[in-house]
Amino acid sequence: GRATHPAGTQPPEGVMTSPLFIWSIPMKNGRSLVALATELERQLASKRDMIVPTGLMHHETAADGSTRIRVETPDGMKTYPTTELFRRQVADKLKIPFAYFERMRNEQAPLLDRNVDTWLHHEPELRMVRTLDGQARAFLSDRYRRLDNYDLCEHVLPMLQRLPDARFESTELTPTRLYLKVVTPRVQIEIQPGDIVQAGVVISNSEVGQGTLSVQPLVYRLICRNGLIAADRAMRKTHVGRMSDASSDEVTVFRDDTLQAEDKAFFLKVRDVVEAAVSEATFQQIAEKMRRTMGIRLKGDPVRTIEVVGTRYLLNEGERSGLLRHLIEGGDLSAYGLVNAVTHFAQDVDDYDRATEFEALGGRLLEQSKAEWDTLAEAA
């Protein structure tokens, strides 16, 4: 149907809108819904998927180190530049350590091409090659179920827009994932005087094999505009489907009319999970876990506490320093203060995917056992 613009949300003059999206103010992080819609529609026209027998694939490395994959098709040889993710997925499938893959690419290109072609052709099988803008972006199983971002948005955005006073707090499309983070102020709780949190939901998806399609509760803290992604009550859909009917001796290209999601009934389940994620009952349970962390004092050395967190959750030195800074500046040496330091630090992270991982880390901390919290609290 035609897009509608609630009062106060009319797009500025001259800004084009998409039939998929209502206008929204640009997000604090990421891009506006209009920009997201524009890019999704552009990608829809540009992307192509093929089921390719590996015996018809050939790897080539140019003098400048760039790589491409050549595919023998019924219409002749087609050449596609490859992304780093594509290279990683090829290396993983062929059991070539990626560090060695990259060393060959930079120092012994003919050796790399000979290695890849040898193993591609040694045990021929069908693989899905996903392309965008003429570039090979993913090397996946032929059983990979395509739950694509455009189809996802087409089905779930109307659900999200029906949430009471829905506010799209952040949306983004990275090279590997789509994110929709929505908050409804109708469901909110005061954790402590002046500290209000609101219920929301985050939906994410990857078209290139970098994660499941997931729906998770989102907690939005007004005082510092932090987002926390709850670890429990999540819905995840793996991208695995039935075996492809593709030919084993020629390339099968998926046309535009077959690029829609194969299981539209799945999106009806998404609706139910979205409603559950922002329900009073779910939000009360998450808020209670947050309140419990207030009673856990970090009695040890804050530097050591962050070291333990960094080791446990594989954080680099810069991330550990950022967490320590936010913990000290927050002035709350409790488990609750640590959780908020983690989610606040997410705002400092340039990479959107990594920032979202820190929002999810806040949720994982809430789920820690008493023994795990004791280790952090007593760190010295």
Protein backbone atom coordinates (compact mmCIF):
# COMPACT_ATOMS: atom_id res chain seq x y z
CA GLY A 1 0.00 0.00 0.00
CA ARG A 2 0.93 3.66 -0.22
CA ALA A 3 3.26 5.00 2.46
CA THR A 4 1.66 7.12 5.16
CA HIS A 5 3.25 9.92 7.16
CA PRO A 6 1.89 10.45 10.68
CA ALA A 7 1.68 13.98 11.99
CA GLY A 8 5.10 15.46 12.57
CA THR A 9 6.87 12.90 10.41
CA GLN A 10 6.43 14.38 6.94
CA PRO A 11 9.62 14.14 4.89
CA PRO A 12 11.41 17.37 4.09
CA GLU A 13 10.57 18.93 0.75
CA GLY A 14 12.45 17.30 -2.10
CA VAL A 15 13.17 14.05 -0.24
CA MET A 16 11.92 10.98 -2.09
CA THR A 17 10.22 8.23 -0.11
CA SER A 18 9.89 4.52 -0.72
CA PRO A 19 6.60 2.59 -0.80
CA LEU A 20 8.11 0.22 1.78
CA PHE A 21 8.88 2.77 4.47
CA ILE A 22 7.34 5.64 6.37
CA TRP A 23 9.52 8.70 6.86
CA SER A 24 11.51 8.90 10.04
CA ILE A 25 14.05 11.34 11.44
CA PRO A 26 17.60 10.11 10.70
CA MET A 27 18.84 7.73 13.37
CA LYS A 28 21.51 8.59 15.89
CA ASN A 29 23.49 5.68 14.47
CA GLY A 30 23.12 4.24 11.02
CA ARG A 31 20.94 5.72 8.30
CA SER A 32 17.39 7.01 7.90
CA LEU A 33 14.59 4.71 6.83
CA VAL A 34 14.39 6.51 3.51
CA ALA A 35 18.11 6.01 2.86
CA LEU A 36 17.75 2.37 3.91
CA ALA A 37 14.81 1.87 1.55
CA THR A 38 16.65 3.48 -1.33
CA GLU A 39 19.68 1.23 -0.87
CA LEU A 40 17.61 -1.95 -0.45
CA GLU A 41 15.71 -1.21 -3.66
CA ARG A 42 18.96 -0.46 -5.50
CA GLN A 43 20.47 -3.73 -4.29
CA LEU A 44 17.35 -5.67 -5.25
CA ALA A 45 17.88 -4.63 -8.88
CA SER A 46 21.61 -5.38 -8.81
CA LYS A 47 22.01 -8.69 -6.99
CA ARG A 48 22.04 -12.09 -8.67
CA ASP A 49 22.36 -15.59 -7.22
CA MET A 50 23.75 -18.65 -8.95
CA ILE A 51 24.12 -22.32 -8.08
CA VAL A 52 27.53 -23.21 -9.52
CA PRO A 53 29.23 -26.60 -9.79
CA THR A 54 32.69 -26.00 -8.34
CA GLY A 55 34.23 -27.74 -11.34
CA LEU A 56 33.13 -24.75 -13.44
CA MET A 57 34.85 -22.20 -11.20
CA HIS A 58 38.36 -20.80 -11.60
CA HIS A 59 40.24 -18.53 -9.21
CA GLU A 60 42.45 -15.72 -10.49
CA THR A 61 44.69 -13.28 -8.64
CA ALA A 62 45.78 -10.09 -10.37
CA ALA A 63 49.19 -8.45 -10.07
CA ASP A 64 47.78 -5.91 -7.60
CA GLY A 65 46.52 -8.70 -5.31
CA SER A 66 42.84 -8.34 -6.20
CA THR A 67 41.02 -11.61 -6.76
CA ARG A 68 38.21 -12.72 -9.02
CA ILE A 69 36.28 -15.87 -9.76
CA ARG A 70 35.63 -16.96 -13.34
CA VAL A 71 32.52 -19.07 -13.97
CA GLU A 72 31.79 -21.16 -17.07
CA THR A 73 28.14 -20.40 -17.92
CA PRO A 74 25.99 -21.43 -20.92
CA ASP A 75 26.45 -17.83 -22.14
CA GLY A 76 30.22 -17.94 -21.91
CA MET A 77 32.80 -17.21 -19.24
CA LYS A 78 31.70 -14.69 -16.60
CA THR A 79 34.17 -12.95 -14.30
CA TYR A 80 33.34 -11.56 -10.85
CA PRO A 81 35.69 -9.62 -8.56
CA THR A 82 35.57 -11.12 -5.07
CA THR A 83 35.17 -9.51 -1.65
CA GLU A 84 37.26 -10.31 1.40
CA LEU A 85 34.28 -12.20 2.87
CA PHE A 86 34.07 -14.33 -0.29
CA ARG A 87 37.78 -15.13 0.04
CA ARG A 88 37.33 -16.06 3.69
CA GLN A 89 34.41 -18.36 2.87
CA VAL A 90 36.34 -20.05 0.06
CA ALA A 91 39.35 -20.53 2.34
CA ASP A 92 37.15 -21.95 5.09
CA LYS A 93 35.39 -24.35 2.73
CA LEU A 94 38.67 -25.58 1.26
CA LYS A 95 40.30 -25.80 4.71
CA ILE A 96 43.03 -23.32 3.82
CA PRO A 97 44.01 -21.22 6.87
CA PHE A 98 43.09 -17.65 5.94
CA ALA A 99 46.43 -16.22 7.05
CA TYR A 100 48.15 -18.61 4.62
CA PHE A 101 45.54 -17.82 1.93
CA GLU A 102 46.40 -14.12 2.26
CA ARG A 103 50.14 -14.77 2.29
CA MET A 104 49.84 -16.65 -1.00
CA ARG A 105 47.65 -13.87 -2.41
CA ASN A 106 50.27 -11.24 -1.60
CA GLU A 107 53.46 -13.22 -2.25
CA GLN A 108 52.71 -16.26 -4.44
CA ALA A 109 49.57 -15.56 -6.48
CA PRO A 110 50.02 -18.47 -8.94
CA LEU A 111 50.34 -20.86 -5.98
CA LEU A 112 47.09 -19.53 -4.50
CA ASP A 113 45.21 -19.92 -7.78
CA ARG A 114 46.56 -23.45 -8.23
CA ASN A 115 45.60 -24.39 -4.66
CA VAL A 116 42.05 -23.05 -4.91
CA ASP A 117 41.35 -24.55 -8.34
CA THR A 118 42.80 -27.93 -7.33
CA TRP A 119 40.53 -28.24 -4.31
CA LEU A 120 37.47 -26.77 -6.05
CA HIS A 121 37.78 -29.37 -8.78
CA HIS A 122 39.01 -32.32 -6.67
CA GLU A 123 35.60 -33.05 -5.14
CA PRO A 124 33.02 -31.21 -7.29
CA GLU A 125 29.88 -30.02 -5.53
CA LEU A 126 27.22 -27.35 -5.90
CA ARG A 127 27.74 -23.98 -4.21
CA MET A 128 25.63 -20.84 -4.11
CA VAL A 129 27.46 -17.73 -5.31
CA ARG A 130 25.75 -14.47 -4.35
CA THR A 131 26.68 -11.39 -6.36
CA LEU A 132 25.96 -7.68 -5.92
CA ASP A 133 27.00 -4.90 -8.29
CA GLY A 134 28.82 -7.48 -10.38
CA GLN A 135 30.96 -8.59 -7.43
CA ALA A 136 30.98 -12.06 -5.84
CA ARG A 137 30.10 -11.37 -2.20
CA ALA A 138 29.29 -14.80 -0.71
CA PHE A 139 30.28 -18.45 -1.28
CA LEU A 140 27.61 -20.57 0.40
CA SER A 141 26.00 -24.00 0.52
CA ASP A 142 23.47 -24.75 -2.21
CA ARG A 143 21.06 -25.40 0.68
CA TYR A 144 21.32 -21.80 1.83
CA ARG A 145 17.81 -20.39 2.30
CA ARG A 146 17.58 -16.86 0.99
CA LEU A 147 15.69 -14.76 3.53
CA ASP A 148 16.61 -11.46 1.95
CA ASN A 149 16.60 -8.00 3.47
CA TYR A 150 14.08 -6.51 1.04
CA ASP A 151 11.60 -9.33 1.63
CA LEU A 152 12.16 -9.11 5.39
CA CYS A 153 11.47 -5.37 5.47
CA GLU A 154 8.43 -5.74 3.25
CA HIS A 155 6.89 -8.13 5.78
CA VAL A 156 8.06 -6.81 9.16
CA LEU A 157 7.99 -3.03 8.77
CA PRO A 158 4.19 -2.89 8.78
CA MET A 159 4.26 -4.91 12.02
CA LEU A 160 6.81 -2.58 13.58
CA GLN A 161 4.92 0.54 12.50
CA ARG A 162 1.81 -0.78 14.25
CA LEU A 163 3.58 -0.87 17.62
CA PRO A 164 2.21 1.92 19.84
CA ASP A 165 4.12 5.16 19.12
CA ALA A 166 6.84 3.13 17.38
CA ARG A 167 10.16 4.97 17.18
CA PHE A 168 12.86 3.70 14.83
CA GLU A 169 15.83 4.41 17.07
CA SER A 170 18.46 3.06 14.69
CA THR A 171 18.54 1.32 11.32
CA GLU A 172 21.53 0.29 9.26
CA LEU A 173 22.63 -1.84 6.35
CA THR A 174 26.27 -2.92 6.63
CA PRO A 175 28.17 -5.08 4.12
CA THR A 176 27.17 -8.16 6.13
CA ARG A 177 23.94 -7.39 8.04
CA LEU A 178 20.67 -5.45 8.18
CA TYR A 179 19.51 -3.96 11.51
CA LEU A 180 16.13 -2.56 12.56
CA LYS A 181 16.01 -1.24 16.14
CA VAL A 182 12.58 -0.01 17.23
CA VAL A 183 11.37 1.33 20.60
CA THR A 184 7.82 1.74 21.91
CA PRO A 185 7.54 4.26 24.80
CA ARG A 186 4.16 2.80 25.77
CA VAL A 187 6.02 0.07 27.66
CA GLN A 188 8.50 1.58 30.11
CA ILE A 189 9.77 1.05 33.64
CA GLU A 190 11.66 3.25 36.11
CA ILE A 191 14.59 1.09 37.21
CA GLN A 192 15.52 3.62 39.88
CA PRO A 193 14.45 7.25 40.42
CA GLY A 194 15.03 9.16 37.18
CA ASP A 195 16.37 6.09 35.33
CA ILE A 196 13.69 5.05 32.82
CA VAL A 197 14.00 2.25 30.30
CA GLN A 198 11.66 1.56 27.40
CA ALA A 199 10.83 -1.66 25.56
CA GLY A 200 11.86 -2.32 22.01
CA VAL A 201 12.88 -4.95 19.52
CA VAL A 202 15.88 -5.46 17.26
CA ILE A 203 15.61 -7.46 14.05
CA SER A 204 18.76 -8.39 12.18
CA ASN A 205 19.55 -10.49 9.13
CA SER A 206 22.51 -11.47 6.97
CA GLU A 207 22.30 -12.28 3.27
CA VAL A 208 25.88 -13.50 3.10
CA GLY A 209 26.07 -16.24 5.70
CA GLN A 210 27.21 -14.08 8.62
CA GLY A 211 24.43 -14.98 11.01
CA THR A 212 20.83 -15.98 11.43
CA LEU A 213 17.71 -13.91 10.95
CA SER A 214 17.00 -12.94 14.56
CA VAL A 215 14.38 -11.09 16.59
CA GLN A 216 15.43 -10.01 20.09
CA PRO A 217 14.05 -7.77 22.84
CA LEU A 218 15.72 -4.36 23.06
CA VAL A 219 15.96 -2.26 26.24
CA TYR A 220 16.43 1.48 25.64
CA ARG A 221 17.76 3.59 28.52
CA LEU A 222 16.62 7.19 28.20
CA ILE A 223 19.17 8.79 30.51
CA CYS A 224 22.07 8.07 28.15
CA ARG A 225 20.31 6.69 25.06
CA ASN A 226 21.95 3.28 25.45
CA GLY A 227 20.51 0.16 23.88
CA LEU A 228 20.76 -3.30 25.46
CA ILE A 229 19.84 -6.40 23.47
CA ALA A 230 18.40 -9.08 25.72
CA ALA A 231 19.99 -12.50 25.36
CA ASP A 232 16.93 -14.57 26.20
CA ARG A 233 13.53 -14.83 24.50
CA ALA A 234 15.18 -14.45 21.11
CA MET A 235 13.98 -15.97 17.86
CA ARG A 236 16.57 -17.17 15.36
CA LYS A 237 16.04 -18.63 11.90
CA THR A 238 18.98 -20.32 10.25
CA HIS A 239 19.41 -19.91 6.50
CA VAL A 240 19.09 -23.61 5.71
CA GLY A 241 16.54 -24.94 3.27
CA ARG A 242 15.86 -27.95 1.10
CA MET A 243 18.38 -29.22 -1.40
CA SER A 244 18.50 -27.16 -4.57
CA ASP A 245 17.03 -28.54 -7.81
CA ALA A 246 19.98 -27.03 -9.69
CA SER A 247 21.91 -28.97 -12.30
CA SER A 248 25.16 -30.60 -11.23
CA ASP A 249 26.90 -29.84 -14.54
CA GLU A 250 25.86 -26.29 -15.41
CA VAL A 251 25.24 -22.95 -13.73
CA THR A 252 21.71 -22.23 -12.52
CA VAL A 253 20.89 -18.53 -12.23
CA PHE A 254 18.05 -17.38 -9.96
CA ARG A 255 15.97 -14.74 -11.76
CA ASP A 256 14.31 -11.73 -10.13
CA ASP A 257 10.96 -13.48 -9.82
CA THR A 258 12.54 -16.22 -7.67
CA LEU A 259 14.40 -13.90 -5.31
CA GLN A 260 11.47 -13.63 -2.88
CA ALA A 261 11.71 -15.44 0.45
CA GLU A 262 10.93 -19.13 0.01
CA ASP A 263 8.94 -19.45 3.22
CA LYS A 264 6.67 -16.43 3.68
CA ALA A 265 4.83 -18.19 6.49
CA PHE A 266 7.97 -17.67 8.56
CA PHE A 267 7.30 -13.94 8.69
CA LEU A 268 3.99 -14.58 10.46
CA LYS A 269 6.02 -16.15 13.27
CA VAL A 270 8.19 -13.03 13.34
CA ARG A 271 5.09 -10.96 14.07
CA ASP A 272 4.28 -13.06 17.13
CA VAL A 273 7.84 -12.81 18.44
CA VAL A 274 7.89 -9.02 17.92
CA GLU A 275 4.70 -8.69 19.96
CA ALA A 276 6.13 -10.91 22.71
CA ALA A 277 9.43 -8.98 22.76
CA VAL A 278 7.68 -5.70 23.64
CA SER A 279 5.10 -7.21 25.98
CA GLU A 280 4.81 -6.05 29.59
CA ALA A 281 5.59 -9.56 30.86
CA THR A 282 8.84 -9.90 28.89
CA PHE A 283 9.95 -6.38 29.77
CA GLN A 284 9.24 -6.85 33.48
CA GLN A 285 11.44 -9.95 33.55
CA ILE A 286 14.33 -8.14 31.86
CA ALA A 287 13.92 -5.08 34.10
CA GLU A 288 14.02 -7.31 37.18
CA LYS A 289 17.34 -8.78 36.04
CA MET A 290 18.65 -5.23 35.62
CA ARG A 291 17.55 -4.30 39.14
CA ARG A 292 19.30 -7.36 40.58
CA THR A 293 22.63 -6.18 39.16
CA MET A 294 22.36 -3.02 41.28
CA GLY A 295 22.97 -5.08 44.38
CA ILE A 296 26.22 -6.57 43.12
CA ARG A 297 29.11 -4.33 44.16
CA LEU A 298 32.40 -4.42 42.26
CA LYS A 299 34.66 -4.58 45.31
CA GLY A 300 37.92 -5.34 43.53
CA ASP A 301 40.19 -3.35 41.25
CA PRO A 302 38.15 -1.88 38.32
CA VAL A 303 41.14 -2.37 36.01
CA ARG A 304 41.25 -6.06 36.88
CA THR A 305 37.46 -6.35 36.48
CA ILE A 306 37.70 -5.03 32.93
CA GLU A 307 40.59 -7.39 32.22
CA VAL A 308 38.42 -10.34 33.25
CA VAL A 309 35.55 -9.10 31.06
CA GLY A 310 37.95 -8.56 28.18
CA THR A 311 39.38 -12.04 28.46
CA ARG A 312 35.98 -13.68 28.88
CA TYR A 313 34.42 -11.89 25.89
CA LEU A 314 37.50 -11.51 23.63
CA LEU A 315 37.82 -7.72 23.71
CA ASN A 316 40.87 -5.96 22.29
CA GLU A 317 42.98 -3.44 24.21
CA GLY A 318 41.22 -0.39 22.81
CA GLU A 319 37.83 -1.80 23.76
CA ARG A 320 39.02 -2.63 27.27
CA SER A 321 40.33 0.91 27.71
CA GLY A 322 37.01 2.35 26.51
CA LEU A 323 35.01 0.19 28.90
CA LEU A 324 37.21 1.18 31.84
CA ARG A 325 36.81 4.85 30.97
CA HIS A 326 33.01 4.60 30.86
CA LEU A 327 32.91 2.57 34.08
CA ILE A 328 34.97 5.17 35.96
CA GLU A 329 33.17 8.15 34.43
CA GLY A 330 29.80 6.59 35.25
CA GLY A 331 30.76 6.54 38.93
CA ASP A 332 28.74 3.38 39.58
CA LEU A 333 31.00 0.52 40.66
CA SER A 334 28.25 -2.09 40.57
CA ALA A 335 27.28 -4.78 38.11
CA TYR A 336 24.59 -2.38 36.85
CA GLY A 337 27.25 0.26 36.27
CA LEU A 338 29.35 -2.26 34.35
CA VAL A 339 26.42 -3.25 32.13
CA ASN A 340 25.74 0.40 31.37
CA ALA A 341 29.42 1.06 30.68
CA VAL A 342 29.34 -1.72 28.08
CA THR A 343 26.23 -0.42 26.32
CA HIS A 344 27.41 3.20 26.56
CA PHE A 345 30.74 2.26 24.99
CA ALA A 346 28.80 0.85 22.01
CA GLN A 347 28.11 4.47 20.99
CA ASP A 348 31.87 5.07 20.66
CA VAL A 349 32.47 2.13 18.31
CA ASP A 350 32.75 3.20 14.68
CA ASP A 351 31.86 -0.18 13.18
CA TYR A 352 28.08 -0.65 13.40
CA ASP A 353 28.25 -4.46 13.52
CA ARG A 354 30.72 -4.33 16.41
CA ALA A 355 28.70 -1.66 18.21
CA THR A 356 25.66 -3.93 18.05
CA GLU A 357 27.75 -6.77 19.49
CA PHE A 358 28.44 -4.55 22.52
CA GLU A 359 24.71 -3.90 22.93
CA ALA A 360 24.23 -7.68 22.91
CA LEU A 361 27.14 -8.09 25.35
CA GLY A 362 25.20 -5.95 27.83
CA GLY A 363 22.38 -8.49 27.58
CA ARG A 364 24.78 -11.40 28.03
CA LEU A 365 26.15 -9.84 31.20
CA LEU A 366 22.62 -9.74 32.63
CA GLU A 367 22.42 -13.52 32.15
CA GLN A 368 25.66 -14.28 34.01
CA SER A 369 25.52 -16.74 36.87
CA LYS A 370 26.25 -15.72 40.46
CA ALA A 371 29.65 -17.43 40.21
CA GLU A 372 30.51 -15.43 37.09
CA TRP A 373 29.50 -12.17 38.77
CA ASP A 374 31.47 -13.10 41.88
CA THR A 375 34.60 -13.50 39.72
CA LEU A 376 34.11 -9.98 38.35
CA ALA A 377 33.12 -8.43 41.68
CA GLU A 378 36.12 -9.80 43.54
CA ALA A 379 38.68 -9.26 40.77
CA ALA A 380 41.95 -8.04 42.25
